[in-house]
Amino acid sequence: GYKPRWFTYFIGDAHIYENHVDMLKEQLTREPFEAPRLVLSDRIPDYAVTGKYEPEWLEKVEPSDFTLEGYQHHAHITAPMAV
């Protein structure tokens, strides 16, 4: 029942090496898959149901409390290490 409000992303050092251009071109030909759905564990209180803001669950959250449904990916693309 939680709704995301914003997403902040910072790219500190984005670049493409010459020996990676062919792999980049391959990546750009691929059609994106539908976005997966993030599912929170039932043990995490749902504000939409309880009407209570319970921030203390943040101290108890574990990686297993999050799952992705419908995640799909293309085959990997390998690139040589640029030195």
PDB file of N, CA and C in Angstrom:
ATOM      1  N   GLY A   1       0.785  -1.206   0.000  1.00  0.00           N
ATOM      2  CA  GLY A   1       0.000   0.000   0.000  1.00  0.00           C
ATOM      3  C   GLY A   1       0.825   1.268   0.000  1.00  0.00           C
ATOM      4  N   TYR A   2       2.144   1.142   0.158  1.00  0.00           N
ATOM      5  CA  TYR A   2       2.984   2.339   0.136  1.00  0.00           C
ATOM      6  C   TYR A   2       3.149   2.832  -1.292  1.00  0.00           C
ATOM      7  N   LYS A   3       3.186   4.134  -1.467  1.00  0.00           N
ATOM      8  CA  LYS A   3       3.386   4.741  -2.783  1.00  0.00           C
ATOM      9  C   LYS A   3       4.716   5.491  -2.772  1.00  0.00           C
ATOM     10  N   PRO A   4       5.577   5.253  -3.761  1.00  0.00           N
ATOM     11  CA  PRO A   4       6.835   6.009  -3.807  1.00  0.00           C
ATOM     12  C   PRO A   4       6.559   7.479  -4.092  1.00  0.00           C
ATOM     13  N   ARG A   5       7.358   8.349  -3.454  1.00  0.00           N
ATOM     14  CA  ARG A   5       7.164   9.781  -3.674  1.00  0.00           C
ATOM     15  C   ARG A   5       8.217  10.334  -4.622  1.00  0.00           C
ATOM     16  N   TRP A   6       9.450   9.899  -4.505  1.00  0.00           N
ATOM     17  CA  TRP A   6      10.484  10.403  -5.396  1.00  0.00           C
ATOM     18  C   TRP A   6      11.620   9.390  -5.478  1.00  0.00           C
ATOM     19  N   PHE A   7      12.418   9.549  -6.499  1.00  0.00           N
ATOM     20  CA  PHE A   7      13.594   8.714  -6.704  1.00  0.00           C
ATOM     21  C   PHE A   7      14.747   9.659  -7.020  1.00  0.00           C
ATOM     22  N   THR A   8      15.813   9.578  -6.255  1.00  0.00           N
ATOM     23  CA  THR A   8      16.971  10.434  -6.465  1.00  0.00           C
ATOM     24  C   THR A   8      18.136   9.564  -6.896  1.00  0.00           C
ATOM     25  N   TYR A   9      18.801   9.962  -7.949  1.00  0.00           N
ATOM     26  CA  TYR A   9      19.919   9.190  -8.475  1.00  0.00           C
ATOM     27  C   TYR A   9      21.043  10.144  -8.841  1.00  0.00           C
ATOM     28  N   PHE A  10      22.256   9.795  -8.497  1.00  0.00           N
ATOM     29  CA  PHE A  10      23.408  10.629  -8.790  1.00  0.00           C
ATOM     30  C   PHE A  10      24.450   9.792  -9.524  1.00  0.00           C
ATOM     31  N   ILE A  11      24.891  10.263 -10.681  1.00  0.00           N
ATOM     32  CA  ILE A  11      25.940   9.589 -11.442  1.00  0.00           C
ATOM     33  C   ILE A  11      27.200  10.413 -11.265  1.00  0.00           C
ATOM     34  N   GLY A  12      28.189   9.825 -10.591  1.00  0.00           N
ATOM     35  CA  GLY A  12      29.396  10.563 -10.279  1.00  0.00           C
ATOM     36  C   GLY A  12      30.455  10.517 -11.360  1.00  0.00           C
ATOM     37  N   ASP A  13      30.521   9.431 -12.125  1.00  0.00           N
ATOM     38  CA  ASP A  13      31.588   9.281 -13.104  1.00  0.00           C
ATOM     39  C   ASP A  13      31.087   8.385 -14.242  1.00  0.00           C
ATOM     40  N   ALA A  14      30.250   8.924 -15.103  1.00  0.00           N
ATOM     41  CA  ALA A  14      29.695   8.142 -16.210  1.00  0.00           C
ATOM     42  C   ALA A  14      30.534   8.357 -17.461  1.00  0.00           C
ATOM     43  N   HIS A  15      30.939   7.265 -18.067  1.00  0.00           N
ATOM     44  CA  HIS A  15      31.732   7.348 -19.289  1.00  0.00           C
ATOM     45  C   HIS A  15      31.660   6.012 -20.025  1.00  0.00           C
ATOM     46  N   ILE A  16      32.035   6.025 -21.286  1.00  0.00           N
ATOM     47  CA  ILE A  16      32.069   4.809 -22.111  1.00  0.00           C
ATOM     48  C   ILE A  16      33.453   4.710 -22.730  1.00  0.00           C
ATOM     49  N   TYR A  17      34.079   3.559 -22.531  1.00  0.00           N
ATOM     50  CA  TYR A  17      35.378   3.331 -23.148  1.00  0.00           C
ATOM     51  C   TYR A  17      35.198   2.918 -24.608  1.00  0.00           C
ATOM     52  N   GLU A  18      36.186   3.214 -25.442  1.00  0.00           N
ATOM     53  CA  GLU A  18      36.098   2.886 -26.876  1.00  0.00           C
ATOM     54  C   GLU A  18      35.858   1.401 -27.112  1.00  0.00           C
ATOM     55  N   ASN A  19      36.495   0.550 -26.306  1.00  0.00           N
ATOM     56  CA  ASN A  19      36.338  -0.894 -26.525  1.00  0.00           C
ATOM     57  C   ASN A  19      34.996  -1.424 -25.992  1.00  0.00           C
ATOM     58  N   HIS A  20      34.121  -0.559 -25.512  1.00  0.00           N
ATOM     59  CA  HIS A  20      32.794  -0.965 -25.049  1.00  0.00           C
ATOM     60  C   HIS A  20      31.679  -0.487 -25.975  1.00  0.00           C
ATOM     61  N   VAL A  21      32.021   0.213 -27.038  1.00  0.00           N
ATOM     62  CA  VAL A  21      31.002   0.797 -27.918  1.00  0.00           C
ATOM     63  C   VAL A  21      30.119  -0.275 -28.559  1.00  0.00           C
ATOM     64  N   ASP A  22      30.705  -1.372 -29.021  1.00  0.00           N
ATOM     65  CA  ASP A  22      29.893  -2.433 -29.650  1.00  0.00           C
ATOM     66  C   ASP A  22      28.893  -3.022 -28.654  1.00  0.00           C
ATOM     67  N   MET A  23      29.308  -3.206 -27.423  1.00  0.00           N
ATOM     68  CA  MET A  23      28.401  -3.741 -26.410  1.00  0.00           C
ATOM     69  C   MET A  23      27.285  -2.740 -26.098  1.00  0.00           C
ATOM     70  N   LEU A  24      27.639  -1.474 -26.072  1.00  0.00           N
ATOM     71  CA  LEU A  24      26.631  -0.436 -25.839  1.00  0.00           C
ATOM     72  C   LEU A  24      25.599  -0.426 -26.969  1.00  0.00           C
ATOM     73  N   LYS A  25      26.065  -0.549 -28.201  1.00  0.00           N
ATOM     74  CA  LYS A  25      25.132  -0.591 -29.335  1.00  0.00           C
ATOM     75  C   LYS A  25      24.195  -1.786 -29.215  1.00  0.00           C
ATOM     76  N   GLU A  26      24.723  -2.936 -28.782  1.00  0.00           N
ATOM     77  CA  GLU A  26      23.886  -4.126 -28.569  1.00  0.00           C
ATOM     78  C   GLU A  26      22.832  -3.837 -27.494  1.00  0.00           C
ATOM     79  N   GLN A  27      23.244  -3.216 -26.414  1.00  0.00           N
ATOM     80  CA  GLN A  27      22.314  -2.889 -25.324  1.00  0.00           C
ATOM     81  C   GLN A  27      21.187  -1.980 -25.818  1.00  0.00           C
ATOM     82  N   LEU A  28      21.506  -1.039 -26.671  1.00  0.00           N
ATOM     83  CA  LEU A  28      20.504  -0.094 -27.162  1.00  0.00           C
ATOM     84  C   LEU A  28      19.498  -0.719 -28.124  1.00  0.00           C
ATOM     85  N   THR A  29      19.795  -1.897 -28.670  1.00  0.00           N
ATOM     86  CA  THR A  29      18.838  -2.568 -29.564  1.00  0.00           C
ATOM     87  C   THR A  29      17.787  -3.355 -28.799  1.00  0.00           C
ATOM     88  N   ARG A  30      17.984  -3.555 -27.524  1.00  0.00           N
ATOM     89  CA  ARG A  30      17.093  -4.403 -26.721  1.00  0.00           C
ATOM     90  C   ARG A  30      15.845  -3.653 -26.270  1.00  0.00           C
ATOM     91  N   GLU A  31      14.722  -4.322 -26.367  1.00  0.00           N
ATOM     92  CA  GLU A  31      13.461  -3.763 -25.882  1.00  0.00           C
ATOM     93  C   GLU A  31      13.385  -3.966 -24.368  1.00  0.00           C
ATOM     94  N   PRO A  32      13.045  -2.938 -23.630  1.00  0.00           N
ATOM     95  CA  PRO A  32      12.942  -3.098 -22.171  1.00  0.00           C
ATOM     96  C   PRO A  32      11.789  -4.025 -21.804  1.00  0.00           C
ATOM     97  N   PHE A  33      11.964  -4.762 -20.719  1.00  0.00           N
ATOM     98  CA  PHE A  33      10.891  -5.581 -20.172  1.00  0.00           C
ATOM     99  C   PHE A  33      10.013  -4.714 -19.281  1.00  0.00           C
ATOM    100  N   GLU A  34       8.829  -5.212 -18.976  1.00  0.00           N
ATOM    101  CA  GLU A  34       7.952  -4.519 -18.044  1.00  0.00           C
ATOM    102  C   GLU A  34       8.656  -4.454 -16.688  1.00  0.00           C
ATOM    103  N   ALA A  35       8.486  -3.359 -15.980  1.00  0.00           N
ATOM    104  CA  ALA A  35       9.132  -3.189 -14.681  1.00  0.00           C
ATOM    105  C   ALA A  35       8.613  -4.226 -13.687  1.00  0.00           C
ATOM    106  N   PRO A  36       9.490  -4.767 -12.851  1.00  0.00           N
ATOM    107  CA  PRO A  36       9.031  -5.713 -11.833  1.00  0.00           C
ATOM    108  C   PRO A  36       8.265  -4.986 -10.732  1.00  0.00           C
ATOM    109  N   ARG A  37       7.613  -5.745  -9.892  1.00  0.00           N
ATOM    110  CA  ARG A  37       6.830  -5.185  -8.789  1.00  0.00           C
ATOM    111  C   ARG A  37       7.561  -5.487  -7.484  1.00  0.00           C
ATOM    112  N   LEU A  38       7.819  -4.456  -6.683  1.00  0.00           N
ATOM    113  CA  LEU A  38       8.435  -4.627  -5.375  1.00  0.00           C
ATOM    114  C   LEU A  38       7.354  -5.017  -4.380  1.00  0.00           C
ATOM    115  N   VAL A  39       7.555  -6.153  -3.690  1.00  0.00           N
ATOM    116  CA  VAL A  39       6.579  -6.642  -2.722  1.00  0.00           C
ATOM    117  C   VAL A  39       7.200  -6.607  -1.332  1.00  0.00           C
ATOM    118  N   LEU A  40       6.497  -5.966  -0.390  1.00  0.00           N
ATOM    119  CA  LEU A  40       6.940  -5.900   0.999  1.00  0.00           C
ATOM    120  C   LEU A  40       6.303  -7.028   1.794  1.00  0.00           C
ATOM    121  N   SER A  41       7.042  -7.565   2.742  1.00  0.00           N
ATOM    122  CA  SER A  41       6.567  -8.635   3.607  1.00  0.00           C
ATOM    123  C   SER A  41       5.315  -8.218   4.372  1.00  0.00           C
ATOM    124  N   ASP A  42       4.470  -9.183   4.667  1.00  0.00           N
ATOM    125  CA  ASP A  42       3.261  -8.915   5.447  1.00  0.00           C
ATOM    126  C   ASP A  42       3.587  -8.463   6.866  1.00  0.00           C
ATOM    127  N   ARG A  43       4.793  -8.750   7.345  1.00  0.00           N
ATOM    128  CA  ARG A  43       5.145  -8.345   8.708  1.00  0.00           C
ATOM    129  C   ARG A  43       5.412  -6.844   8.818  1.00  0.00           C
ATOM    130  N   ILE A  44       5.576  -6.156   7.682  1.00  0.00           N
ATOM    131  CA  ILE A  44       5.767  -4.709   7.681  1.00  0.00           C
ATOM    132  C   ILE A  44       4.387  -4.052   7.732  1.00  0.00           C
ATOM    133  N   PRO A  45       4.143  -3.194   8.728  1.00  0.00           N
ATOM    134  CA  PRO A  45       2.820  -2.580   8.856  1.00  0.00           C
ATOM    135  C   PRO A  45       2.442  -1.776   7.615  1.00  0.00           C
ATOM    136  N   ASP A  46       1.210  -1.908   7.201  1.00  0.00           N
ATOM    137  CA  ASP A  46       0.700  -1.203   6.027  1.00  0.00           C
ATOM    138  C   ASP A  46      -0.123   0.003   6.474  1.00  0.00           C
ATOM    139  N   TYR A  47       0.419   1.184   6.263  1.00  0.00           N
ATOM    140  CA  TYR A  47      -0.255   2.414   6.676  1.00  0.00           C
ATOM    141  C   TYR A  47      -1.660   2.514   6.078  1.00  0.00           C
ATOM    142  N   ALA A  48      -1.815   2.057   4.837  1.00  0.00           N
ATOM    143  CA  ALA A  48      -3.130   2.139   4.183  1.00  0.00           C
ATOM    144  C   ALA A  48      -4.171   1.302   4.925  1.00  0.00           C
ATOM    145  N   VAL A  49      -3.723   0.275   5.648  1.00  0.00           N
ATOM    146  CA  VAL A  49      -4.638  -0.590   6.396  1.00  0.00           C
ATOM    147  C   VAL A  49      -4.780  -0.129   7.840  1.00  0.00           C
ATOM    148  N   THR A  50      -3.642   0.147   8.494  1.00  0.00           N
ATOM    149  CA  THR A  50      -3.670   0.473   9.924  1.00  0.00           C
ATOM    150  C   THR A  50      -3.987   1.937  10.201  1.00  0.00           C
ATOM    151  N   GLY A  51      -3.612   2.825   9.275  1.00  0.00           N
ATOM    152  CA  GLY A  51      -3.795   4.249   9.510  1.00  0.00           C
ATOM    153  C   GLY A  51      -2.806   4.803  10.522  1.00  0.00           C
ATOM    154  N   LYS A  52      -1.835   3.966  10.929  1.00  0.00           N
ATOM    155  CA  LYS A  52      -0.840   4.387  11.912  1.00  0.00           C
ATOM    156  C   LYS A  52       0.542   4.401  11.271  1.00  0.00           C
ATOM    157  N   TYR A  53       1.266   5.486  11.498  1.00  0.00           N
ATOM    158  CA  TYR A  53       2.647   5.577  11.035  1.00  0.00           C
ATOM    159  C   TYR A  53       3.524   4.893  12.080  1.00  0.00           C
ATOM    160  N   GLU A  54       4.214   3.818  11.691  1.00  0.00           N
ATOM    161  CA  GLU A  54       5.013   3.028  12.617  1.00  0.00           C
ATOM    162  C   GLU A  54       6.465   2.954  12.142  1.00  0.00           C
ATOM    163  N   PRO A  55       7.246   4.018  12.356  1.00  0.00           N
ATOM    164  CA  PRO A  55       8.615   4.040  11.837  1.00  0.00           C
ATOM    165  C   PRO A  55       9.543   3.028  12.496  1.00  0.00           C
ATOM    166  N   GLU A  56       9.178   2.481  13.662  1.00  0.00           N
ATOM    167  CA  GLU A  56      10.060   1.537  14.343  1.00  0.00           C
ATOM    168  C   GLU A  56      10.298   0.251  13.538  1.00  0.00           C
ATOM    169  N   TRP A  57       9.442  -0.034  12.561  1.00  0.00           N
ATOM    170  CA  TRP A  57       9.677  -1.241  11.750  1.00  0.00           C
ATOM    171  C   TRP A  57      10.967  -1.113  10.952  1.00  0.00           C
ATOM    172  N   LEU A  58      11.430   0.120  10.699  1.00  0.00           N
ATOM    173  CA  LEU A  58      12.681   0.318   9.957  1.00  0.00           C
ATOM    174  C   LEU A  58      13.868  -0.291  10.687  1.00  0.00           C
ATOM    175  N   GLU A  59      13.794  -0.396  12.009  1.00  0.00           N
ATOM    176  CA  GLU A  59      14.864  -1.009  12.794  1.00  0.00           C
ATOM    177  C   GLU A  59      14.832  -2.533  12.704  1.00  0.00           C
ATOM    178  N   LYS A  60      13.726  -3.084  12.253  1.00  0.00           N
ATOM    179  CA  LYS A  60      13.547  -4.537  12.240  1.00  0.00           C
ATOM    180  C   LYS A  60      13.564  -5.138  10.832  1.00  0.00           C
ATOM    181  N   VAL A  61      13.583  -4.302   9.826  1.00  0.00           N
ATOM    182  CA  VAL A  61      13.489  -4.780   8.447  1.00  0.00           C
ATOM    183  C   VAL A  61      14.720  -5.615   8.080  1.00  0.00           C
ATOM    184  N   GLU A  62      14.499  -6.661   7.281  1.00  0.00           N
ATOM    185  CA  GLU A  62      15.561  -7.555   6.826  1.00  0.00           C
ATOM    186  C   GLU A  62      15.467  -7.689   5.310  1.00  0.00           C
ATOM    187  N   PRO A  63      16.563  -8.061   4.656  1.00  0.00           N
ATOM    188  CA  PRO A  63      16.523  -8.225   3.192  1.00  0.00           C
ATOM    189  C   PRO A  63      15.409  -9.157   2.721  1.00  0.00           C
ATOM    190  N   SER A  64      15.111 -10.185   3.510  1.00  0.00           N
ATOM    191  CA  SER A  64      14.069 -11.135   3.100  1.00  0.00           C
ATOM    192  C   SER A  64      12.671 -10.522   3.130  1.00  0.00           C
ATOM    193  N   ASP A  65      12.540  -9.306   3.664  1.00  0.00           N
ATOM    194  CA  ASP A  65      11.245  -8.625   3.679  1.00  0.00           C
ATOM    195  C   ASP A  65      10.886  -8.005   2.334  1.00  0.00           C
ATOM    196  N   PHE A  66      11.791  -8.082   1.373  1.00  0.00           N
ATOM    197  CA  PHE A  66      11.568  -7.495   0.053  1.00  0.00           C
ATOM    198  C   PHE A  66      11.742  -8.553  -1.028  1.00  0.00           C
ATOM    199  N   THR A  67      10.817  -8.607  -1.951  1.00  0.00           N
ATOM    200  CA  THR A  67      10.949  -9.495  -3.104  1.00  0.00           C
ATOM    201  C   THR A  67      10.525  -8.739  -4.358  1.00  0.00           C
ATOM    202  N   LEU A  68      11.026  -9.199  -5.497  1.00  0.00           N
ATOM    203  CA  LEU A  68      10.616  -8.642  -6.782  1.00  0.00           C
ATOM    204  C   LEU A  68       9.786  -9.687  -7.518  1.00  0.00           C
ATOM    205  N   GLU A  69       8.621  -9.293  -7.957  1.00  0.00           N
ATOM    206  CA  GLU A  69       7.770 -10.175  -8.762  1.00  0.00           C
ATOM    207  C   GLU A  69       7.851  -9.732 -10.211  1.00  0.00           C
ATOM    208  N   GLY A  70       7.993 -10.687 -11.097  1.00  0.00           N
ATOM    209  CA  GLY A  70       7.979 -10.388 -12.524  1.00  0.00           C
ATOM    210  C   GLY A  70       9.283  -9.831 -13.060  1.00  0.00           C
ATOM    211  N   TYR A  71      10.395 -10.043 -12.339  1.00  0.00           N
ATOM    212  CA  TYR A  71      11.684  -9.543 -12.818  1.00  0.00           C
ATOM    213  C   TYR A  71      12.160 -10.378 -14.005  1.00  0.00           C
ATOM    214  N   GLN A  72      12.521  -9.715 -15.086  1.00  0.00           N
ATOM    215  CA  GLN A  72      13.071 -10.376 -16.276  1.00  0.00           C
ATOM    216  C   GLN A  72      14.318  -9.632 -16.717  1.00  0.00           C
ATOM    217  N   HIS A  73      15.213 -10.346 -17.365  1.00  0.00           N
ATOM    218  CA  HIS A  73      16.415  -9.692 -17.873  1.00  0.00           C
ATOM    219  C   HIS A  73      16.843 -10.347 -19.177  1.00  0.00           C
ATOM    220  N   HIS A  74      17.574  -9.598 -19.953  1.00  0.00           N
ATOM    221  CA  HIS A  74      18.152 -10.117 -21.182  1.00  0.00           C
ATOM    222  C   HIS A  74      19.425 -10.895 -20.847  1.00  0.00           C
ATOM    223  N   ALA A  75      19.948 -11.606 -21.818  1.00  0.00           N
ATOM    224  CA  ALA A  75      21.227 -12.303 -21.645  1.00  0.00           C
ATOM    225  C   ALA A  75      22.308 -11.268 -21.353  1.00  0.00           C
ATOM    226  N   HIS A  76      23.308 -11.673 -20.586  1.00  0.00           N
ATOM    227  CA  HIS A  76      24.365 -10.727 -20.229  1.00  0.00           C
ATOM    228  C   HIS A  76      25.212 -10.362 -21.446  1.00  0.00           C
ATOM    229  N   ILE A  77      25.823  -9.201 -21.360  1.00  0.00           N
ATOM    230  CA  ILE A  77      26.745  -8.732 -22.381  1.00  0.00           C
ATOM    231  C   ILE A  77      28.112  -8.613 -21.718  1.00  0.00           C
ATOM    232  N   THR A  78      29.103  -9.256 -22.281  1.00  0.00           N
ATOM    233  CA  THR A  78      30.428  -9.166 -21.687  1.00  0.00           C
ATOM    234  C   THR A  78      31.237  -8.104 -22.416  1.00  0.00           C
ATOM    235  N   ALA A  79      32.091  -7.473 -21.658  1.00  0.00           N
ATOM    236  CA  ALA A  79      32.971  -6.440 -22.207  1.00  0.00           C
ATOM    237  C   ALA A  79      34.352  -6.623 -21.607  1.00  0.00           C
ATOM    238  N   PRO A  80      35.387  -6.395 -22.394  1.00  0.00           N
ATOM    239  CA  PRO A  80      36.724  -6.522 -21.833  1.00  0.00           C
ATOM    240  C   PRO A  80      36.990  -5.406 -20.833  1.00  0.00           C
ATOM    241  N   MET A  81      37.841  -5.689 -19.880  1.00  0.00           N
ATOM    242  CA  MET A  81      38.221  -4.685 -18.888  1.00  0.00           C
ATOM    243  C   MET A  81      39.030  -3.604 -19.589  1.00  0.00           C
ATOM    244  N   ALA A  82      38.653  -2.362 -19.379  1.00  0.00           N
ATOM    245  CA  ALA A  82      39.403  -1.240 -19.967  1.00  0.00           C
ATOM    246  C   ALA A  82      40.455  -0.807 -18.956  1.00  0.00           C
ATOM    247  N   VAL A  83      41.696  -0.859 -19.388  1.00  0.00           N
ATOM    248  CA  VAL A  83      42.787  -0.499 -18.461  1.00  0.00           C
ATOM    249  C   VAL A  83      43.514   0.727 -18.980  1.00  0.00           C
TER     250      VAL A  83
END
